[in-house]
């Protein structure tokens, strides 16, 4: 070990390049401006379209009526036989009925979509 006194060692370290006293960073408001800009980007690209899709889906669910053909989130396609506040009875085929949650209805199919896909 060297025999340098402690005060001279501290003065050498304080004068070293990259010390805390020699750096000058950007102003603090620029960081806040960047965060605000990122928030606006997320709002217009992610949150706003998602809210719009959610409102459209809620309008579809509210407009369900007996006889509509629907697709559930699980992929079942059926015709609405009975409506309730929270549940929907679907007829999937002849004598095949299923009770599904109203919120699991994914889409309402347009009328006249009864033709098989391979015709």
PDB file of N, CA and C in Angstrom:
ATOM      1  N   UNK A   1       0.823  -1.173   0.000  1.00  0.00           N
ATOM      2  CA  UNK A   1       0.000   0.000   0.000  1.00  0.00           C
ATOM      3  C   UNK A   1       0.864   1.232   0.000  1.00  0.00           C
ATOM      4  N   UNK A   2       0.324   2.271  -0.541  1.00  0.00           N
ATOM      5  CA  UNK A   2       1.081   3.517  -0.571  1.00  0.00           C
ATOM      6  C   UNK A   2       0.899   4.257   0.742  1.00  0.00           C
ATOM      7  N   UNK A   3       1.788   5.189   0.977  1.00  0.00           N
ATOM      8  CA  UNK A   3       1.748   5.929   2.233  1.00  0.00           C
ATOM      9  C   UNK A   3       1.204   7.342   2.016  1.00  0.00           C
ATOM     10  N   UNK A   4       0.266   7.509   1.097  1.00  0.00           N
ATOM     11  CA  UNK A   4      -0.356   8.813   0.860  1.00  0.00           C
ATOM     12  C   UNK A   4      -1.298   9.149   2.006  1.00  0.00           C
ATOM     13  N   UNK A   5      -1.297  10.376   2.428  1.00  0.00           N
ATOM     14  CA  UNK A   5      -2.248  10.754   3.473  1.00  0.00           C
ATOM     15  C   UNK A   5      -3.673  10.720   2.921  1.00  0.00           C
ATOM     16  N   UNK A   6      -4.615  10.547   3.787  1.00  0.00           N
ATOM     17  CA  UNK A   6      -6.010  10.404   3.405  1.00  0.00           C
ATOM     18  C   UNK A   6      -6.543  11.669   2.734  1.00  0.00           C
ATOM     19  N   UNK A   7      -6.173  12.828   3.137  1.00  0.00           N
ATOM     20  CA  UNK A   7      -6.670  14.069   2.540  1.00  0.00           C
ATOM     21  C   UNK A   7      -6.219  14.210   1.090  1.00  0.00           C
ATOM     22  N   UNK A   8      -5.009  13.781   0.767  1.00  0.00           N
ATOM     23  CA  UNK A   8      -4.559  13.871  -0.618  1.00  0.00           C
ATOM     24  C   UNK A   8      -5.274  12.854  -1.493  1.00  0.00           C
ATOM     25  N   UNK A   9      -5.609  11.694  -0.945  1.00  0.00           N
ATOM     26  CA  UNK A   9      -6.344  10.680  -1.686  1.00  0.00           C
ATOM     27  C   UNK A   9      -7.755  11.182  -2.010  1.00  0.00           C
ATOM     28  N   UNK A  10      -8.417  11.840  -1.080  1.00  0.00           N
ATOM     29  CA  UNK A  10      -9.751  12.394  -1.313  1.00  0.00           C
ATOM     30  C   UNK A  10      -9.725  13.516  -2.335  1.00  0.00           C
ATOM     31  N   UNK A  11      -8.679  14.332  -2.313  1.00  0.00           N
ATOM     32  CA  UNK A  11      -8.598  15.416  -3.289  1.00  0.00           C
ATOM     33  C   UNK A  11      -8.359  14.879  -4.690  1.00  0.00           C
ATOM     34  N   UNK A  12      -7.634  13.786  -4.825  1.00  0.00           N
ATOM     35  CA  UNK A  12      -7.420  13.166  -6.133  1.00  0.00           C
ATOM     36  C   UNK A  12      -8.723  12.586  -6.652  1.00  0.00           C
ATOM     37  N   UNK A  13      -9.491  11.935  -5.785  1.00  0.00           N
ATOM     38  CA  UNK A  13     -10.766  11.362  -6.202  1.00  0.00           C
ATOM     39  C   UNK A  13     -11.777  12.448  -6.564  1.00  0.00           C
ATOM     40  N   UNK A  14     -11.770  13.551  -5.856  1.00  0.00           N
ATOM     41  CA  UNK A  14     -12.707  14.637  -6.137  1.00  0.00           C
ATOM     42  C   UNK A  14     -12.396  15.309  -7.460  1.00  0.00           C
ATOM     43  N   UNK A  15     -11.164  15.341  -7.868  1.00  0.00           N
ATOM     44  CA  UNK A  15     -10.775  15.982  -9.113  1.00  0.00           C
ATOM     45  C   UNK A  15     -10.861  15.047 -10.308  1.00  0.00           C
ATOM     46  N   UNK A  16     -11.228  13.791 -10.091  1.00  0.00           N
ATOM     47  CA  UNK A  16     -11.287  12.809 -11.179  1.00  0.00           C
ATOM     48  C   UNK A  16     -12.415  13.181 -12.142  1.00  0.00           C
ATOM     49  N   UNK A  17     -12.220  12.917 -13.439  1.00  0.00           N
ATOM     50  CA  UNK A  17     -13.274  13.220 -14.412  1.00  0.00           C
ATOM     51  C   UNK A  17     -14.510  12.359 -14.145  1.00  0.00           C
ATOM     52  N   UNK A  18     -15.676  12.934 -14.403  1.00  0.00           N
ATOM     53  CA  UNK A  18     -16.928  12.204 -14.197  1.00  0.00           C
ATOM     54  C   UNK A  18     -17.419  12.303 -12.777  1.00  0.00           C
ATOM     55  N   UNK A  19     -16.857  13.179 -11.993  1.00  0.00           N
ATOM     56  CA  UNK A  19     -17.345  13.333 -10.634  1.00  0.00           C
ATOM     57  C   UNK A  19     -18.704  14.028 -10.647  1.00  0.00           C
ATOM     58  N   UNK A  20     -19.415  13.981  -9.561  1.00  0.00           N
ATOM     59  CA  UNK A  20     -20.776  14.508  -9.496  1.00  0.00           C
ATOM     60  C   UNK A  20     -20.826  16.012  -9.694  1.00  0.00           C
ATOM     61  N   UNK A  21     -19.795  16.715  -9.381  1.00  0.00           N
ATOM     62  CA  UNK A  21     -19.822  18.172  -9.511  1.00  0.00           C
ATOM     63  C   UNK A  21     -19.613  18.629 -10.943  1.00  0.00           C
ATOM     64  N   UNK A  22     -19.059  17.775 -11.796  1.00  0.00           N
ATOM     65  CA  UNK A  22     -18.743  18.187 -13.159  1.00  0.00           C
ATOM     66  C   UNK A  22     -19.895  17.938 -14.135  1.00  0.00           C
ATOM     67  N   UNK A  23     -20.930  17.170 -13.750  1.00  0.00           N
ATOM     68  CA  UNK A  23     -21.981  16.826 -14.714  1.00  0.00           C
ATOM     69  C   UNK A  23     -23.136  17.821 -14.626  1.00  0.00           C
ATOM     70  N   UNK A  24     -23.671  18.150 -15.779  1.00  0.00           N
ATOM     71  CA  UNK A  24     -24.854  19.007 -15.858  1.00  0.00           C
ATOM     72  C   UNK A  24     -25.876  18.290 -16.726  1.00  0.00           C
ATOM     73  N   UNK A  25     -27.007  17.844 -16.138  1.00  0.00           N
ATOM     74  CA  UNK A  25     -28.024  17.080 -16.860  1.00  0.00           C
ATOM     75  C   UNK A  25     -29.063  17.982 -17.473  1.00  0.00           C
ATOM     76  N   UNK A  26     -30.000  17.382 -18.189  1.00  0.00           N
ATOM     77  CA  UNK A  26     -31.086  18.159 -18.788  1.00  0.00           C
ATOM     78  C   UNK A  26     -32.010  18.679 -17.684  1.00  0.00           C
ATOM     79  N   UNK A  27     -32.771  19.714 -17.973  1.00  0.00           N
ATOM     80  CA  UNK A  27     -33.683  20.249 -16.954  1.00  0.00           C
ATOM     81  C   UNK A  27     -34.761  19.226 -16.590  1.00  0.00           C
ATOM     82  N   UNK A  28     -35.282  19.338 -15.404  1.00  0.00           N
ATOM     83  CA  UNK A  28     -36.268  18.374 -14.890  1.00  0.00           C
ATOM     84  C   UNK A  28     -37.572  18.429 -15.677  1.00  0.00           C
ATOM     85  N   UNK A  29     -37.976  19.583 -16.181  1.00  0.00           N
ATOM     86  CA  UNK A  29     -39.238  19.684 -16.903  1.00  0.00           C
ATOM     87  C   UNK A  29     -39.223  18.897 -18.210  1.00  0.00           C
ATOM     88  N   UNK A  30     -38.051  18.658 -18.778  1.00  0.00           N
ATOM     89  CA  UNK A  30     -38.002  17.883 -20.030  1.00  0.00           C
ATOM     90  C   UNK A  30     -38.402  16.428 -19.782  1.00  0.00           C
ATOM     91  N   UNK A  31     -38.064  15.904 -18.615  1.00  0.00           N
ATOM     92  CA  UNK A  31     -38.490  14.541 -18.294  1.00  0.00           C
ATOM     93  C   UNK A  31     -40.006  14.466 -18.132  1.00  0.00           C
ATOM     94  N   UNK A  32     -40.594  15.472 -17.503  1.00  0.00           N
ATOM     95  CA  UNK A  32     -42.046  15.499 -17.351  1.00  0.00           C
ATOM     96  C   UNK A  32     -42.741  15.658 -18.701  1.00  0.00           C
ATOM     97  N   UNK A  33     -42.153  16.452 -19.580  1.00  0.00           N
ATOM     98  CA  UNK A  33     -42.715  16.626 -20.916  1.00  0.00           C
ATOM     99  C   UNK A  33     -42.684  15.309 -21.694  1.00  0.00           C
ATOM    100  N   UNK A  34     -41.606  14.569 -21.561  1.00  0.00           N
ATOM    101  CA  UNK A  34     -41.490  13.270 -22.230  1.00  0.00           C
ATOM    102  C   UNK A  34     -42.521  12.285 -21.685  1.00  0.00           C
ATOM    103  N   UNK A  35     -42.711  12.247 -20.385  1.00  0.00           N
ATOM    104  CA  UNK A  35     -43.712  11.359 -19.797  1.00  0.00           C
ATOM    105  C   UNK A  35     -45.122  11.736 -20.254  1.00  0.00           C
ATOM    106  N   UNK A  36     -45.405  13.020 -20.324  1.00  0.00           N
ATOM    107  CA  UNK A  36     -46.711  13.466 -20.802  1.00  0.00           C
ATOM    108  C   UNK A  36     -46.959  13.084 -22.250  1.00  0.00           C
ATOM    109  N   UNK A  37     -45.942  13.213 -23.084  1.00  0.00           N
ATOM    110  CA  UNK A  37     -46.075  12.831 -24.493  1.00  0.00           C
ATOM    111  C   UNK A  37     -46.312  11.326 -24.626  1.00  0.00           C
ATOM    112  N   UNK A  38     -45.613  10.541 -23.831  1.00  0.00           N
ATOM    113  CA  UNK A  38     -45.823   9.084 -23.876  1.00  0.00           C
ATOM    114  C   UNK A  38     -47.227   8.722 -23.408  1.00  0.00           C
ATOM    115  N   UNK A  39     -47.722   9.432 -22.391  1.00  0.00           N
ATOM    116  CA  UNK A  39     -49.087   9.196 -21.921  1.00  0.00           C
ATOM    117  C   UNK A  39     -50.115   9.489 -22.997  1.00  0.00           C
ATOM    118  N   UNK A  40     -49.941  10.582 -23.742  1.00  0.00           N
ATOM    119  CA  UNK A  40     -50.857  10.905 -24.837  1.00  0.00           C
ATOM    120  C   UNK A  40     -50.816   9.858 -25.944  1.00  0.00           C
ATOM    121  N   UNK A  41     -49.636   9.381 -26.255  1.00  0.00           N
ATOM    122  CA  UNK A  41     -49.501   8.351 -27.288  1.00  0.00           C
ATOM    123  C   UNK A  41     -50.237   7.085 -26.868  1.00  0.00           C
ATOM    124  N   UNK A  42     -50.051   6.657 -25.613  1.00  0.00           N
ATOM    125  CA  UNK A  42     -50.749   5.469 -25.134  1.00  0.00           C
ATOM    126  C   UNK A  42     -52.261   5.682 -25.136  1.00  0.00           C
ATOM    127  N   UNK A  43     -52.707   6.885 -24.771  1.00  0.00           N
ATOM    128  CA  UNK A  43     -54.142   7.155 -24.747  1.00  0.00           C
ATOM    129  C   UNK A  43     -54.748   7.013 -26.137  1.00  0.00           C
ATOM    130  N   UNK A  44     -54.131   7.632 -27.153  1.00  0.00           N
ATOM    131  CA  UNK A  44     -54.718   7.618 -28.487  1.00  0.00           C
ATOM    132  C   UNK A  44     -54.507   6.309 -29.235  1.00  0.00           C
ATOM    133  N   UNK A  45     -53.465   5.566 -28.919  1.00  0.00           N
ATOM    134  CA  UNK A  45     -53.207   4.327 -29.659  1.00  0.00           C
ATOM    135  C   UNK A  45     -53.741   3.079 -28.979  1.00  0.00           C
ATOM    136  N   UNK A  46     -53.912   3.104 -27.663  1.00  0.00           N
ATOM    137  CA  UNK A  46     -54.311   1.883 -26.959  1.00  0.00           C
ATOM    138  C   UNK A  46     -55.627   2.050 -26.212  1.00  0.00           C
ATOM    139  N   UNK A  47     -55.710   2.988 -25.290  1.00  0.00           N
ATOM    140  CA  UNK A  47     -56.864   3.073 -24.411  1.00  0.00           C
ATOM    141  C   UNK A  47     -58.133   3.522 -25.130  1.00  0.00           C
ATOM    142  N   UNK A  48     -58.049   4.528 -25.959  1.00  0.00           N
ATOM    143  CA  UNK A  48     -59.229   5.065 -26.623  1.00  0.00           C
ATOM    144  C   UNK A  48     -59.883   4.054 -27.576  1.00  0.00           C
ATOM    145  N   UNK A  49     -59.126   3.370 -28.441  1.00  0.00           N
ATOM    146  CA  UNK A  49     -59.771   2.355 -29.290  1.00  0.00           C
ATOM    147  C   UNK A  49     -60.373   1.200 -28.484  1.00  0.00           C
ATOM    148  N   UNK A  50     -59.724   0.823 -27.388  1.00  0.00           N
ATOM    149  CA  UNK A  50     -60.257  -0.259 -26.561  1.00  0.00           C
ATOM    150  C   UNK A  50     -61.576   0.154 -25.916  1.00  0.00           C
ATOM    151  N   UNK A  51     -61.671   1.375 -25.450  1.00  0.00           N
ATOM    152  CA  UNK A  51     -62.923   1.855 -24.868  1.00  0.00           C
ATOM    153  C   UNK A  51     -64.040   1.886 -25.905  1.00  0.00           C
ATOM    154  N   UNK A  52     -63.712   2.270 -27.135  1.00  0.00           N
ATOM    155  CA  UNK A  52     -64.703   2.308 -28.206  1.00  0.00           C
ATOM    156  C   UNK A  52     -65.218   0.898 -28.522  1.00  0.00           C
ATOM    157  N   UNK A  53     -64.301  -0.081 -28.614  1.00  0.00           N
ATOM    158  CA  UNK A  53     -64.715  -1.457 -28.878  1.00  0.00           C
ATOM    159  C   UNK A  53     -65.576  -2.006 -27.745  1.00  0.00           C
ATOM    160  N   UNK A  54     -65.236  -1.644 -26.513  1.00  0.00           N
ATOM    161  CA  UNK A  54     -66.001  -2.110 -25.360  1.00  0.00           C
ATOM    162  C   UNK A  54     -67.425  -1.543 -25.392  1.00  0.00           C
ATOM    163  N   UNK A  55     -67.578  -0.285 -25.754  1.00  0.00           N
ATOM    164  CA  UNK A  55     -68.911   0.309 -25.847  1.00  0.00           C
ATOM    165  C   UNK A  55     -69.729  -0.348 -26.959  1.00  0.00           C
ATOM    166  N   UNK A  56     -69.104  -0.642 -28.093  1.00  0.00           N
ATOM    167  CA  UNK A  56     -69.808  -1.306 -29.193  1.00  0.00           C
ATOM    168  C   UNK A  56     -70.274  -2.692 -28.767  1.00  0.00           C
ATOM    169  N   UNK A  57     -69.435  -3.424 -28.047  1.00  0.00           N
ATOM    170  CA  UNK A  57     -69.793  -4.767 -27.593  1.00  0.00           C
ATOM    171  C   UNK A  57     -70.946  -4.705 -26.595  1.00  0.00           C
ATOM    172  N   UNK A  58     -70.919  -3.745 -25.685  1.00  0.00           N
ATOM    173  CA  UNK A  58     -72.006  -3.605 -24.722  1.00  0.00           C
ATOM    174  C   UNK A  58     -73.316  -3.256 -25.428  1.00  0.00           C
ATOM    175  N   UNK A  59     -73.242  -2.479 -26.493  1.00  0.00           N
ATOM    176  CA  UNK A  59     -74.450  -2.150 -27.256  1.00  0.00           C
ATOM    177  C   UNK A  59     -75.000  -3.396 -27.954  1.00  0.00           C
ATOM    178  N   UNK A  60     -74.118  -4.253 -28.470  1.00  0.00           N
ATOM    179  CA  UNK A  60     -74.561  -5.509 -29.091  1.00  0.00           C
ATOM    180  C   UNK A  60     -75.247  -6.406 -28.071  1.00  0.00           C
ATOM    181  N   UNK A  61     -74.649  -6.522 -26.890  1.00  0.00           N
ATOM    182  CA  UNK A  61     -75.206  -7.378 -25.846  1.00  0.00           C
ATOM    183  C   UNK A  61     -76.566  -6.841 -25.392  1.00  0.00           C
ATOM    184  N   UNK A  62     -76.700  -5.545 -25.286  1.00  0.00           N
ATOM    185  CA  UNK A  62     -77.966  -4.949 -24.856  1.00  0.00           C
ATOM    186  C   UNK A  62     -79.052  -5.115 -25.919  1.00  0.00           C
ATOM    187  N   UNK A  63     -78.670  -5.217 -27.185  1.00  0.00           N
ATOM    188  CA  UNK A  63     -79.636  -5.328 -28.267  1.00  0.00           C
ATOM    189  C   UNK A  63     -79.979  -6.747 -28.673  1.00  0.00           C
ATOM    190  N   UNK A  64     -79.576  -7.737 -27.894  1.00  0.00           N
ATOM    191  CA  UNK A  64     -79.901  -9.125 -28.233  1.00  0.00           C
ATOM    192  C   UNK A  64     -81.400  -9.360 -28.127  1.00  0.00           C
ATOM    193  N   UNK A  65     -81.909 -10.216 -29.032  1.00  0.00           N
ATOM    194  CA  UNK A  65     -83.324 -10.570 -28.982  1.00  0.00           C
ATOM    195  C   UNK A  65     -83.485 -12.033 -29.363  1.00  0.00           C
ATOM    196  N   UNK A  66     -84.638 -12.567 -29.051  1.00  0.00           N
ATOM    197  CA  UNK A  66     -84.931 -13.971 -29.324  1.00  0.00           C
ATOM    198  C   UNK A  66     -84.872 -14.225 -30.831  1.00  0.00           C
ATOM    199  N   UNK A  67     -84.175 -15.278 -31.227  1.00  0.00           N
ATOM    200  CA  UNK A  67     -84.051 -15.642 -32.636  1.00  0.00           C
ATOM    201  C   UNK A  67     -82.738 -15.206 -33.270  1.00  0.00           C
ATOM    202  N   UNK A  68     -81.962 -14.369 -32.604  1.00  0.00           N
ATOM    203  CA  UNK A  68     -80.663 -13.945 -33.140  1.00  0.00           C
ATOM    204  C   UNK A  68     -79.681 -15.111 -33.144  1.00  0.00           C
ATOM    205  N   UNK A  69     -78.873 -15.161 -34.192  1.00  0.00           N
ATOM    206  CA  UNK A  69     -77.776 -16.148 -34.232  1.00  0.00           C
ATOM    207  C   UNK A  69     -76.535 -15.475 -33.674  1.00  0.00           C
ATOM    208  N   UNK A  70     -75.872 -16.151 -32.733  1.00  0.00           N
ATOM    209  CA  UNK A  70     -74.739 -15.562 -32.046  1.00  0.00           C
ATOM    210  C   UNK A  70     -73.578 -16.554 -31.993  1.00  0.00           C
ATOM    211  N   UNK A  71     -72.397 -15.991 -31.748  1.00  0.00           N
ATOM    212  CA  UNK A  71     -71.192 -16.783 -31.519  1.00  0.00           C
ATOM    213  C   UNK A  71     -70.710 -16.442 -30.118  1.00  0.00           C
ATOM    214  N   UNK A  72     -70.459 -17.473 -29.313  1.00  0.00           N
ATOM    215  CA  UNK A  72     -69.958 -17.228 -27.966  1.00  0.00           C
ATOM    216  C   UNK A  72     -68.441 -17.069 -28.010  1.00  0.00           C
ATOM    217  N   UNK A  73     -67.882 -16.645 -26.892  1.00  0.00           N
ATOM    218  CA  UNK A  73     -66.429 -16.488 -26.805  1.00  0.00           C
ATOM    219  C   UNK A  73     -65.732 -17.828 -26.925  1.00  0.00           C
ATOM    220  N   UNK A  74     -66.423 -18.913 -26.604  1.00  0.00           N
ATOM    221  CA  UNK A  74     -65.846 -20.252 -26.732  1.00  0.00           C
ATOM    222  C   UNK A  74     -65.962 -20.827 -28.125  1.00  0.00           C
ATOM    223  N   UNK A  75     -66.646 -20.127 -29.035  1.00  0.00           N
ATOM    224  CA  UNK A  75     -66.745 -20.577 -30.417  1.00  0.00           C
ATOM    225  C   UNK A  75     -68.031 -21.307 -30.749  1.00  0.00           C
ATOM    226  N   UNK A  76     -68.966 -21.396 -29.817  1.00  0.00           N
ATOM    227  CA  UNK A  76     -70.240 -22.051 -30.098  1.00  0.00           C
ATOM    228  C   UNK A  76     -71.139 -21.122 -30.891  1.00  0.00           C
ATOM    229  N   UNK A  77     -71.779 -21.677 -31.921  1.00  0.00           N
ATOM    230  CA  UNK A  77     -72.702 -20.901 -32.752  1.00  0.00           C
ATOM    231  C   UNK A  77     -74.096 -21.442 -32.491  1.00  0.00           C
ATOM    232  N   UNK A  78     -75.014 -20.542 -32.143  1.00  0.00           N
ATOM    233  CA  UNK A  78     -76.365 -20.991 -31.854  1.00  0.00           C
ATOM    234  C   UNK A  78     -77.367 -19.879 -32.025  1.00  0.00           C
ATOM    235  N   UNK A  79     -78.630 -20.264 -31.851  1.00  0.00           N
ATOM    236  CA  UNK A  79     -79.740 -19.324 -31.975  1.00  0.00           C
ATOM    237  C   UNK A  79     -80.303 -19.086 -30.575  1.00  0.00           C
ATOM    238  N   UNK A  80     -80.595 -17.827 -30.269  1.00  0.00           N
ATOM    239  CA  UNK A  80     -81.112 -17.486 -28.945  1.00  0.00           C
ATOM    240  C   UNK A  80     -82.554 -17.959 -28.835  1.00  0.00           C
ATOM    241  N   UNK A  81     -82.818 -18.747 -27.779  1.00  0.00           N
ATOM    242  CA  UNK A  81     -84.155 -19.262 -27.524  1.00  0.00           C
ATOM    243  C   UNK A  81     -84.812 -18.496 -26.385  1.00  0.00           C
ATOM    244  N   UNK A  82     -84.017 -18.132 -25.378  1.00  0.00           N
ATOM    245  CA  UNK A  82     -84.561 -17.454 -24.212  1.00  0.00           C
ATOM    246  C   UNK A  82     -83.518 -16.474 -23.684  1.00  0.00           C
ATOM    247  N   UNK A  83     -83.978 -15.297 -23.295  1.00  0.00           N
ATOM    248  CA  UNK A  83     -83.100 -14.266 -22.746  1.00  0.00           C
ATOM    249  C   UNK A  83     -83.420 -14.029 -21.281  1.00  0.00           C
ATOM    250  N   UNK A  84     -82.375 -13.762 -20.524  1.00  0.00           N
ATOM    251  CA  UNK A  84     -82.495 -13.413 -19.118  1.00  0.00           C
ATOM    252  C   UNK A  84     -81.602 -12.198 -18.888  1.00  0.00           C
ATOM    253  N   UNK A  85     -81.598 -11.646 -17.693  1.00  0.00           N
ATOM    254  CA  UNK A  85     -80.724 -10.508 -17.410  1.00  0.00           C
ATOM    255  C   UNK A  85     -79.248 -10.896 -17.481  1.00  0.00           C
ATOM    256  N   UNK A  86     -78.926 -12.109 -17.037  1.00  0.00           N
ATOM    257  CA  UNK A  86     -77.524 -12.526 -16.969  1.00  0.00           C
ATOM    258  C   UNK A  86     -77.202 -13.720 -17.867  1.00  0.00           C
ATOM    259  N   UNK A  87     -78.222 -14.463 -18.298  1.00  0.00           N
ATOM    260  CA  UNK A  87     -77.986 -15.680 -19.062  1.00  0.00           C
ATOM    261  C   UNK A  87     -78.776 -15.681 -20.365  1.00  0.00           C
ATOM    262  N   UNK A  88     -78.311 -16.509 -21.288  1.00  0.00           N
ATOM    263  CA  UNK A  88     -78.956 -16.690 -22.583  1.00  0.00           C
ATOM    264  C   UNK A  88     -79.043 -18.186 -22.833  1.00  0.00           C
ATOM    265  N   UNK A  89     -80.222 -18.674 -23.231  1.00  0.00           N
ATOM    266  CA  UNK A  89     -80.361 -20.072 -23.633  1.00  0.00           C
ATOM    267  C   UNK A  89     -80.158 -20.136 -25.143  1.00  0.00           C
ATOM    268  N   UNK A  90     -79.182 -20.943 -25.568  1.00  0.00           N
ATOM    269  CA  UNK A  90     -78.860 -21.078 -26.985  1.00  0.00           C
ATOM    270  C   UNK A  90     -79.269 -22.452 -27.479  1.00  0.00           C
ATOM    271  N   UNK A  91     -79.796 -22.510 -28.681  1.00  0.00           N
ATOM    272  CA  UNK A  91     -80.082 -23.783 -29.329  1.00  0.00           C
ATOM    273  C   UNK A  91     -78.974 -24.007 -30.352  1.00  0.00           C
ATOM    274  N   UNK A  92     -78.149 -25.024 -30.078  1.00  0.00           N
ATOM    275  CA  UNK A  92     -77.019 -25.312 -30.954  1.00  0.00           C
ATOM    276  C   UNK A  92     -77.408 -26.227 -32.101  1.00  0.00           C
ATOM    277  N   UNK A  93     -78.388 -27.056 -31.904  1.00  0.00           N
ATOM    278  CA  UNK A  93     -78.860 -27.991 -32.915  1.00  0.00           C
ATOM    279  C   UNK A  93     -80.218 -28.507 -32.486  1.00  0.00           C
ATOM    280  N   UNK A  94     -80.684 -29.544 -33.161  1.00  0.00           N
ATOM    281  CA  UNK A  94     -81.973 -30.122 -32.815  1.00  0.00           C
ATOM    282  C   UNK A  94     -81.882 -30.748 -31.432  1.00  0.00           C
ATOM    283  N   UNK A  95     -82.714 -30.287 -30.528  1.00  0.00           N
ATOM    284  CA  UNK A  95     -82.783 -30.767 -29.144  1.00  0.00           C
ATOM    285  C   UNK A  95     -81.460 -30.611 -28.385  1.00  0.00           C
ATOM    286  N   UNK A  96     -80.668 -29.635 -28.745  1.00  0.00           N
ATOM    287  CA  UNK A  96     -79.411 -29.357 -28.024  1.00  0.00           C
ATOM    288  C   UNK A  96     -79.468 -27.905 -27.571  1.00  0.00           C
ATOM    289  N   UNK A  97     -79.644 -27.731 -26.257  1.00  0.00           N
ATOM    290  CA  UNK A  97     -79.715 -26.379 -25.695  1.00  0.00           C
ATOM    291  C   UNK A  97     -78.624 -26.204 -24.647  1.00  0.00           C
ATOM    292  N   UNK A  98     -78.091 -24.993 -24.625  1.00  0.00           N
ATOM    293  CA  UNK A  98     -77.010 -24.651 -23.707  1.00  0.00           C
ATOM    294  C   UNK A  98     -77.349 -23.313 -23.064  1.00  0.00           C
ATOM    295  N   UNK A  99     -77.034 -23.190 -21.771  1.00  0.00           N
ATOM    296  CA  UNK A  99     -77.205 -21.904 -21.087  1.00  0.00           C
ATOM    297  C   UNK A  99     -75.823 -21.264 -21.025  1.00  0.00           C
ATOM    298  N   UNK A 100     -75.718 -20.034 -21.520  1.00  0.00           N
ATOM    299  CA  UNK A 100     -74.441 -19.305 -21.545  1.00  0.00           C
ATOM    300  C   UNK A 100     -74.621 -17.958 -20.859  1.00  0.00           C
ATOM    301  N   UNK A 101     -73.553 -17.473 -20.311  1.00  0.00           N
ATOM    302  CA  UNK A 101     -73.581 -16.139 -19.723  1.00  0.00           C
ATOM    303  C   UNK A 101     -73.733 -15.095 -20.813  1.00  0.00           C
ATOM    304  N   UNK A 102     -74.510 -14.082 -20.531  1.00  0.00           N
ATOM    305  CA  UNK A 102     -74.773 -13.050 -21.536  1.00  0.00           C
ATOM    306  C   UNK A 102     -73.485 -12.327 -21.932  1.00  0.00           C
ATOM    307  N   UNK A 103     -72.557 -12.186 -20.999  1.00  0.00           N
ATOM    308  CA  UNK A 103     -71.313 -11.483 -21.292  1.00  0.00           C
ATOM    309  C   UNK A 103     -70.359 -12.306 -22.152  1.00  0.00           C
ATOM    310  N   UNK A 104     -70.634 -13.611 -22.314  1.00  0.00           N
ATOM    311  CA  UNK A 104     -69.759 -14.437 -23.142  1.00  0.00           C
ATOM    312  C   UNK A 104     -70.135 -14.408 -24.619  1.00  0.00           C
ATOM    313  N   UNK A 105     -71.209 -13.706 -24.960  1.00  0.00           N
ATOM    314  CA  UNK A 105     -71.586 -13.584 -26.369  1.00  0.00           C
ATOM    315  C   UNK A 105     -70.546 -12.701 -27.057  1.00  0.00           C
ATOM    316  N   UNK A 106     -69.902 -13.248 -28.074  1.00  0.00           N
ATOM    317  CA  UNK A 106     -68.848 -12.525 -28.761  1.00  0.00           C
ATOM    318  C   UNK A 106     -69.342 -11.685 -29.918  1.00  0.00           C
ATOM    319  N   UNK A 107     -70.292 -12.224 -30.697  1.00  0.00           N
ATOM    320  CA  UNK A 107     -70.745 -11.501 -31.878  1.00  0.00           C
ATOM    321  C   UNK A 107     -72.138 -11.970 -32.260  1.00  0.00           C
ATOM    322  N   UNK A 108     -72.865 -11.115 -32.919  1.00  0.00           N
ATOM    323  CA  UNK A 108     -74.183 -11.442 -33.453  1.00  0.00           C
ATOM    324  C   UNK A 108     -74.012 -11.642 -34.956  1.00  0.00           C
ATOM    325  N   UNK A 109     -74.407 -12.807 -35.446  1.00  0.00           N
ATOM    326  CA  UNK A 109     -74.264 -13.111 -36.876  1.00  0.00           C
ATOM    327  C   UNK A 109     -75.397 -12.483 -37.674  1.00  0.00           C
ATOM    328  N   UNK A 110     -75.109 -12.063 -38.886  1.00  0.00           N
ATOM    329  CA  UNK A 110     -76.165 -11.479 -39.719  1.00  0.00           C
ATOM    330  C   UNK A 110     -77.175 -12.555 -40.143  1.00  0.00           C
ATOM    331  N   UNK A 111     -78.421 -12.180 -40.361  1.00  0.00           N
ATOM    332  CA  UNK A 111     -79.420 -13.180 -40.797  1.00  0.00           C
ATOM    333  C   UNK A 111     -79.094 -13.682 -42.189  1.00  0.00           C
ATOM    334  N   UNK A 112     -79.504 -14.923 -42.457  1.00  0.00           N
ATOM    335  CA  UNK A 112     -79.263 -15.519 -43.757  1.00  0.00           C
ATOM    336  C   UNK A 112     -77.917 -16.193 -43.864  1.00  0.00           C
ATOM    337  N   UNK A 113     -77.232 -16.373 -42.789  1.00  0.00           N
ATOM    338  CA  UNK A 113     -75.924 -17.023 -42.819  1.00  0.00           C
ATOM    339  C   UNK A 113     -76.020 -18.511 -42.573  1.00  0.00           C
ATOM    340  N   UNK A 114     -77.085 -19.159 -43.065  1.00  0.00           N
ATOM    341  CA  UNK A 114     -77.301 -20.576 -42.798  1.00  0.00           C
ATOM    342  C   UNK A 114     -76.639 -21.482 -43.822  1.00  0.00           C
ATOM    343  N   UNK A 115     -76.128 -20.949 -44.902  1.00  0.00           N
ATOM    344  CA  UNK A 115     -75.561 -21.781 -45.972  1.00  0.00           C
ATOM    345  C   UNK A 115     -74.247 -22.414 -45.506  1.00  0.00           C
ATOM    346  N   UNK A 116     -74.037 -23.693 -45.810  1.00  0.00           N
ATOM    347  CA  UNK A 116     -72.768 -24.326 -45.462  1.00  0.00           C
ATOM    348  C   UNK A 116     -71.608 -23.672 -46.201  1.00  0.00           C
ATOM    349  N   UNK A 117     -70.425 -23.779 -45.633  1.00  0.00           N
ATOM    350  CA  UNK A 117     -69.255 -23.106 -46.183  1.00  0.00           C
ATOM    351  C   UNK A 117     -68.761 -23.734 -47.477  1.00  0.00           C
ATOM    352  N   UNK A 118     -69.054 -25.016 -47.725  1.00  0.00           N
ATOM    353  CA  UNK A 118     -68.506 -25.687 -48.914  1.00  0.00           C
ATOM    354  C   UNK A 118     -69.453 -25.676 -50.112  1.00  0.00           C
ATOM    355  N   UNK A 119     -70.541 -24.933 -50.056  1.00  0.00           N
ATOM    356  CA  UNK A 119     -71.461 -24.863 -51.210  1.00  0.00           C
ATOM    357  C   UNK A 119     -71.062 -23.793 -52.166  1.00  0.00           C
TER     358      UNK A 119
END
